[in-house]
Amino acid sequence: MLALLAAGATNQQIGDQLLISERTAKKHVINILGKLNAANRTQAVALARAVGLIP
């Protein structure tokens, strides 16, 4: 999921890649933002990279 966010994928593209609905993908993104205490996708990716969750 984080790798797809880092690649700039939309919720629909994430859903298509992971074989889940767009709504489920959106909920996962919201949960990731909350867990990383990020305000948006860009900040979430930066924080994930900073702590080594993604390269």
PDB file of N, CA and C in Angstrom:
ATOM      1  N   MET A   1       0.820  -1.176   0.000  1.00  0.00           N
ATOM      2  CA  MET A   1       0.000   0.000   0.000  1.00  0.00           C
ATOM      3  C   MET A   1       0.872   1.251   0.000  1.00  0.00           C
ATOM      4  N   LEU A   2       1.871   1.301   0.870  1.00  0.00           N
ATOM      5  CA  LEU A   2       2.749   2.468   0.914  1.00  0.00           C
ATOM      6  C   LEU A   2       3.525   2.637  -0.394  1.00  0.00           C
ATOM      7  N   ALA A   3       3.931   1.554  -0.983  1.00  0.00           N
ATOM      8  CA  ALA A   3       4.653   1.641  -2.256  1.00  0.00           C
ATOM      9  C   ALA A   3       3.764   2.233  -3.337  1.00  0.00           C
ATOM     10  N   LEU A   4       2.503   1.865  -3.338  1.00  0.00           N
ATOM     11  CA  LEU A   4       1.572   2.418  -4.309  1.00  0.00           C
ATOM     12  C   LEU A   4       1.322   3.901  -4.040  1.00  0.00           C
ATOM     13  N   LEU A   5       1.237   4.271  -2.773  1.00  0.00           N
ATOM     14  CA  LEU A   5       1.103   5.692  -2.430  1.00  0.00           C
ATOM     15  C   LEU A   5       2.326   6.462  -2.915  1.00  0.00           C
ATOM     16  N   ALA A   6       3.501   5.894  -2.687  1.00  0.00           N
ATOM     17  CA  ALA A   6       4.749   6.546  -3.096  1.00  0.00           C
ATOM     18  C   ALA A   6       4.816   6.709  -4.613  1.00  0.00           C
ATOM     19  N   ALA A   7       4.204   5.786  -5.328  1.00  0.00           N
ATOM     20  CA  ALA A   7       4.185   5.853  -6.787  1.00  0.00           C
ATOM     21  C   ALA A   7       3.140   6.836  -7.301  1.00  0.00           C
ATOM     22  N   GLY A   8       2.331   7.389  -6.393  1.00  0.00           N
ATOM     23  CA  GLY A   8       1.322   8.366  -6.792  1.00  0.00           C
ATOM     24  C   GLY A   8       0.017   7.761  -7.267  1.00  0.00           C
ATOM     25  N   ALA A   9      -0.237   6.515  -6.896  1.00  0.00           N
ATOM     26  CA  ALA A   9      -1.454   5.833  -7.336  1.00  0.00           C
ATOM     27  C   ALA A   9      -2.693   6.451  -6.675  1.00  0.00           C
ATOM     28  N   THR A  10      -3.770   6.495  -7.435  1.00  0.00           N
ATOM     29  CA  THR A  10      -5.048   6.957  -6.908  1.00  0.00           C
ATOM     30  C   THR A  10      -5.691   5.823  -6.118  1.00  0.00           C
ATOM     31  N   ASN A  11      -6.740   6.146  -5.386  1.00  0.00           N
ATOM     32  CA  ASN A  11      -7.460   5.104  -4.646  1.00  0.00           C
ATOM     33  C   ASN A  11      -7.969   4.024  -5.595  1.00  0.00           C
ATOM     34  N   GLN A  12      -8.464   4.430  -6.759  1.00  0.00           N
ATOM     35  CA  GLN A  12      -8.958   3.460  -7.735  1.00  0.00           C
ATOM     36  C   GLN A  12      -7.826   2.558  -8.224  1.00  0.00           C
ATOM     37  N   GLN A  13      -6.673   3.130  -8.514  1.00  0.00           N
ATOM     38  CA  GLN A  13      -5.527   2.343  -8.972  1.00  0.00           C
ATOM     39  C   GLN A  13      -5.038   1.401  -7.884  1.00  0.00           C
ATOM     40  N   ILE A  14      -5.029   1.864  -6.642  1.00  0.00           N
ATOM     41  CA  ILE A  14      -4.644   1.002  -5.519  1.00  0.00           C
ATOM     42  C   ILE A  14      -5.620  -0.159  -5.417  1.00  0.00           C
ATOM     43  N   GLY A  15      -6.901   0.145  -5.492  1.00  0.00           N
ATOM     44  CA  GLY A  15      -7.918  -0.899  -5.436  1.00  0.00           C
ATOM     45  C   GLY A  15      -7.748  -1.924  -6.541  1.00  0.00           C
ATOM     46  N   ASP A  16      -7.500  -1.445  -7.736  1.00  0.00           N
ATOM     47  CA  ASP A  16      -7.313  -2.352  -8.874  1.00  0.00           C
ATOM     48  C   ASP A  16      -6.096  -3.252  -8.669  1.00  0.00           C
ATOM     49  N   GLN A  17      -4.992  -2.682  -8.170  1.00  0.00           N
ATOM     50  CA  GLN A  17      -3.773  -3.456  -7.951  1.00  0.00           C
ATOM     51  C   GLN A  17      -3.940  -4.502  -6.852  1.00  0.00           C
ATOM     52  N   LEU A  18      -4.661  -4.132  -5.785  1.00  0.00           N
ATOM     53  CA  LEU A  18      -4.805  -5.024  -4.639  1.00  0.00           C
ATOM     54  C   LEU A  18      -6.093  -5.841  -4.652  1.00  0.00           C
ATOM     55  N   LEU A  19      -6.865  -5.676  -5.718  1.00  0.00           N
ATOM     56  CA  LEU A  19      -8.139  -6.392  -5.880  1.00  0.00           C
ATOM     57  C   LEU A  19      -9.112  -6.109  -4.732  1.00  0.00           C
ATOM     58  N   ILE A  20      -9.192  -4.823  -4.376  1.00  0.00           N
ATOM     59  CA  ILE A  20     -10.143  -4.364  -3.373  1.00  0.00           C
ATOM     60  C   ILE A  20     -10.914  -3.193  -3.974  1.00  0.00           C
ATOM     61  N   SER A  21     -11.994  -2.804  -3.334  1.00  0.00           N
ATOM     62  CA  SER A  21     -12.772  -1.691  -3.857  1.00  0.00           C
ATOM     63  C   SER A  21     -12.045  -0.368  -3.623  1.00  0.00           C
ATOM     64  N   GLU A  22     -12.445   0.636  -4.388  1.00  0.00           N
ATOM     65  CA  GLU A  22     -11.876   1.968  -4.215  1.00  0.00           C
ATOM     66  C   GLU A  22     -12.170   2.488  -2.805  1.00  0.00           C
ATOM     67  N   ARG A  23     -13.354   2.196  -2.305  1.00  0.00           N
ATOM     68  CA  ARG A  23     -13.740   2.623  -0.959  1.00  0.00           C
ATOM     69  C   ARG A  23     -12.846   1.994   0.109  1.00  0.00           C
ATOM     70  N   THR A  24     -12.547   0.704  -0.046  1.00  0.00           N
ATOM     71  CA  THR A  24     -11.664   0.015   0.899  1.00  0.00           C
ATOM     72  C   THR A  24     -10.255   0.594   0.817  1.00  0.00           C
ATOM     73  N   ALA A  25      -9.784   0.866  -0.385  1.00  0.00           N
ATOM     74  CA  ALA A  25      -8.462   1.471  -0.560  1.00  0.00           C
ATOM     75  C   ALA A  25      -8.416   2.827   0.133  1.00  0.00           C
ATOM     76  N   LYS A  26      -9.475   3.612  -0.031  1.00  0.00           N
ATOM     77  CA  LYS A  26      -9.530   4.930   0.610  1.00  0.00           C
ATOM     78  C   LYS A  26      -9.463   4.798   2.131  1.00  0.00           C
ATOM     79  N   LYS A  27     -10.184   3.832   2.676  1.00  0.00           N
ATOM     80  CA  LYS A  27     -10.178   3.619   4.124  1.00  0.00           C
ATOM     81  C   LYS A  27      -8.778   3.228   4.603  1.00  0.00           C
ATOM     82  N   HIS A  28      -8.099   2.382   3.854  1.00  0.00           N
ATOM     83  CA  HIS A  28      -6.729   1.986   4.212  1.00  0.00           C
ATOM     84  C   HIS A  28      -5.795   3.202   4.184  1.00  0.00           C
ATOM     85  N   VAL A  29      -5.950   4.046   3.174  1.00  0.00           N
ATOM     86  CA  VAL A  29      -5.123   5.250   3.081  1.00  0.00           C
ATOM     87  C   VAL A  29      -5.372   6.138   4.293  1.00  0.00           C
ATOM     88  N   ILE A  30      -6.620   6.325   4.655  1.00  0.00           N
ATOM     89  CA  ILE A  30      -6.970   7.127   5.826  1.00  0.00           C
ATOM     90  C   ILE A  30      -6.337   6.542   7.089  1.00  0.00           C
ATOM     91  N   ASN A  31      -6.392   5.220   7.220  1.00  0.00           N
ATOM     92  CA  ASN A  31      -5.781   4.562   8.380  1.00  0.00           C
ATOM     93  C   ASN A  31      -4.271   4.763   8.408  1.00  0.00           C
ATOM     94  N   ILE A  32      -3.617   4.677   7.259  1.00  0.00           N
ATOM     95  CA  ILE A  32      -2.173   4.895   7.176  1.00  0.00           C
ATOM     96  C   ILE A  32      -1.834   6.323   7.570  1.00  0.00           C
ATOM     97  N   LEU A  33      -2.600   7.279   7.064  1.00  0.00           N
ATOM     98  CA  LEU A  33      -2.359   8.681   7.417  1.00  0.00           C
ATOM     99  C   LEU A  33      -2.452   8.866   8.931  1.00  0.00           C
ATOM    100  N   GLY A  34      -3.439   8.235   9.529  1.00  0.00           N
ATOM    101  CA  GLY A  34      -3.611   8.340  10.976  1.00  0.00           C
ATOM    102  C   GLY A  34      -2.468   7.707  11.746  1.00  0.00           C
ATOM    103  N   LYS A  35      -2.044   6.531  11.325  1.00  0.00           N
ATOM    104  CA  LYS A  35      -0.973   5.828  12.034  1.00  0.00           C
ATOM    105  C   LYS A  35       0.363   6.552  11.919  1.00  0.00           C
ATOM    106  N   LEU A  36       0.573   7.226  10.796  1.00  0.00           N
ATOM    107  CA  LEU A  36       1.813   7.974  10.608  1.00  0.00           C
ATOM    108  C   LEU A  36       1.669   9.418  11.076  1.00  0.00           C
ATOM    109  N   ASN A  37       0.475   9.772  11.529  1.00  0.00           N
ATOM    110  CA  ASN A  37       0.190  11.146  11.964  1.00  0.00           C
ATOM    111  C   ASN A  37       0.521  12.135  10.847  1.00  0.00           C
ATOM    112  N   ALA A  38       0.095  11.786   9.633  1.00  0.00           N
ATOM    113  CA  ALA A  38       0.369  12.597   8.452  1.00  0.00           C
ATOM    114  C   ALA A  38      -0.892  13.342   8.028  1.00  0.00           C
ATOM    115  N   ALA A  39      -0.706  14.529   7.500  1.00  0.00           N
ATOM    116  CA  ALA A  39      -1.827  15.355   7.060  1.00  0.00           C
ATOM    117  C   ALA A  39      -2.287  14.996   5.652  1.00  0.00           C
ATOM    118  N   ASN A  40      -1.389  14.404   4.845  1.00  0.00           N
ATOM    119  CA  ASN A  40      -1.741  14.071   3.467  1.00  0.00           C
ATOM    120  C   ASN A  40      -0.841  12.941   2.965  1.00  0.00           C
ATOM    121  N   ARG A  41      -1.105  12.509   1.744  1.00  0.00           N
ATOM    122  CA  ARG A  41      -0.363  11.384   1.166  1.00  0.00           C
ATOM    123  C   ARG A  41       1.128  11.686   1.035  1.00  0.00           C
ATOM    124  N   THR A  42       1.446  12.897   0.618  1.00  0.00           N
ATOM    125  CA  THR A  42       2.848  13.276   0.430  1.00  0.00           C
ATOM    126  C   THR A  42       3.609  13.195   1.743  1.00  0.00           C
ATOM    127  N   GLN A  43       3.011  13.711   2.783  1.00  0.00           N
ATOM    128  CA  GLN A  43       3.651  13.670   4.094  1.00  0.00           C
ATOM    129  C   GLN A  43       3.768  12.230   4.585  1.00  0.00           C
ATOM    130  N   ALA A  44       2.762  11.413   4.328  1.00  0.00           N
ATOM    131  CA  ALA A  44       2.808  10.008   4.740  1.00  0.00           C
ATOM    132  C   ALA A  44       3.968   9.282   4.065  1.00  0.00           C
ATOM    133  N   VAL A  45       4.159   9.534   2.788  1.00  0.00           N
ATOM    134  CA  VAL A  45       5.261   8.898   2.056  1.00  0.00           C
ATOM    135  C   VAL A  45       6.596   9.370   2.620  1.00  0.00           C
ATOM    136  N   ALA A  46       6.719  10.660   2.876  1.00  0.00           N
ATOM    137  CA  ALA A  46       7.971  11.194   3.428  1.00  0.00           C
ATOM    138  C   ALA A  46       8.271  10.589   4.798  1.00  0.00           C
ATOM    139  N   LEU A  47       7.258  10.496   5.645  1.00  0.00           N
ATOM    140  CA  LEU A  47       7.453   9.909   6.970  1.00  0.00           C
ATOM    141  C   LEU A  47       7.788   8.420   6.878  1.00  0.00           C
ATOM    142  N   ALA A  48       7.115   7.711   5.983  1.00  0.00           N
ATOM    143  CA  ALA A  48       7.384   6.282   5.809  1.00  0.00           C
ATOM    144  C   ALA A  48       8.819   6.053   5.335  1.00  0.00           C
ATOM    145  N   ARG A  49       9.279   6.907   4.445  1.00  0.00           N
ATOM    146  CA  ARG A  49      10.675   6.800   3.980  1.00  0.00           C
ATOM    147  C   ARG A  49      11.637   7.113   5.117  1.00  0.00           C
ATOM    148  N   ALA A  50      11.322   8.118   5.914  1.00  0.00           N
ATOM    149  CA  ALA A  50      12.206   8.544   7.005  1.00  0.00           C
ATOM    150  C   ALA A  50      12.418   7.443   8.047  1.00  0.00           C
ATOM    151  N   VAL A  51      11.383   6.629   8.277  1.00  0.00           N
ATOM    152  CA  VAL A  51      11.509   5.566   9.270  1.00  0.00           C
ATOM    153  C   VAL A  51      11.833   4.211   8.648  1.00  0.00           C
ATOM    154  N   GLY A  52      12.065   4.191   7.327  1.00  0.00           N
ATOM    155  CA  GLY A  52      12.502   2.983   6.662  1.00  0.00           C
ATOM    156  C   GLY A  52      11.421   1.992   6.288  1.00  0.00           C
ATOM    157  N   LEU A  53      10.172   2.437   6.252  1.00  0.00           N
ATOM    158  CA  LEU A  53       9.096   1.527   5.857  1.00  0.00           C
ATOM    159  C   LEU A  53       9.097   1.266   4.353  1.00  0.00           C
ATOM    160  N   ILE A  54       9.559   2.254   3.602  1.00  0.00           N
ATOM    161  CA  ILE A  54       9.720   2.104   2.157  1.00  0.00           C
ATOM    162  C   ILE A  54      11.041   2.737   1.755  1.00  0.00           C
ATOM    163  N   PRO A  55      11.647   2.246   0.675  1.00  0.00           N
ATOM    164  CA  PRO A  55      12.942   2.826   0.246  1.00  0.00           C
ATOM    165  C   PRO A  55      12.785   4.203  -0.362  1.00  0.00           C
TER     166      PRO A  55
END
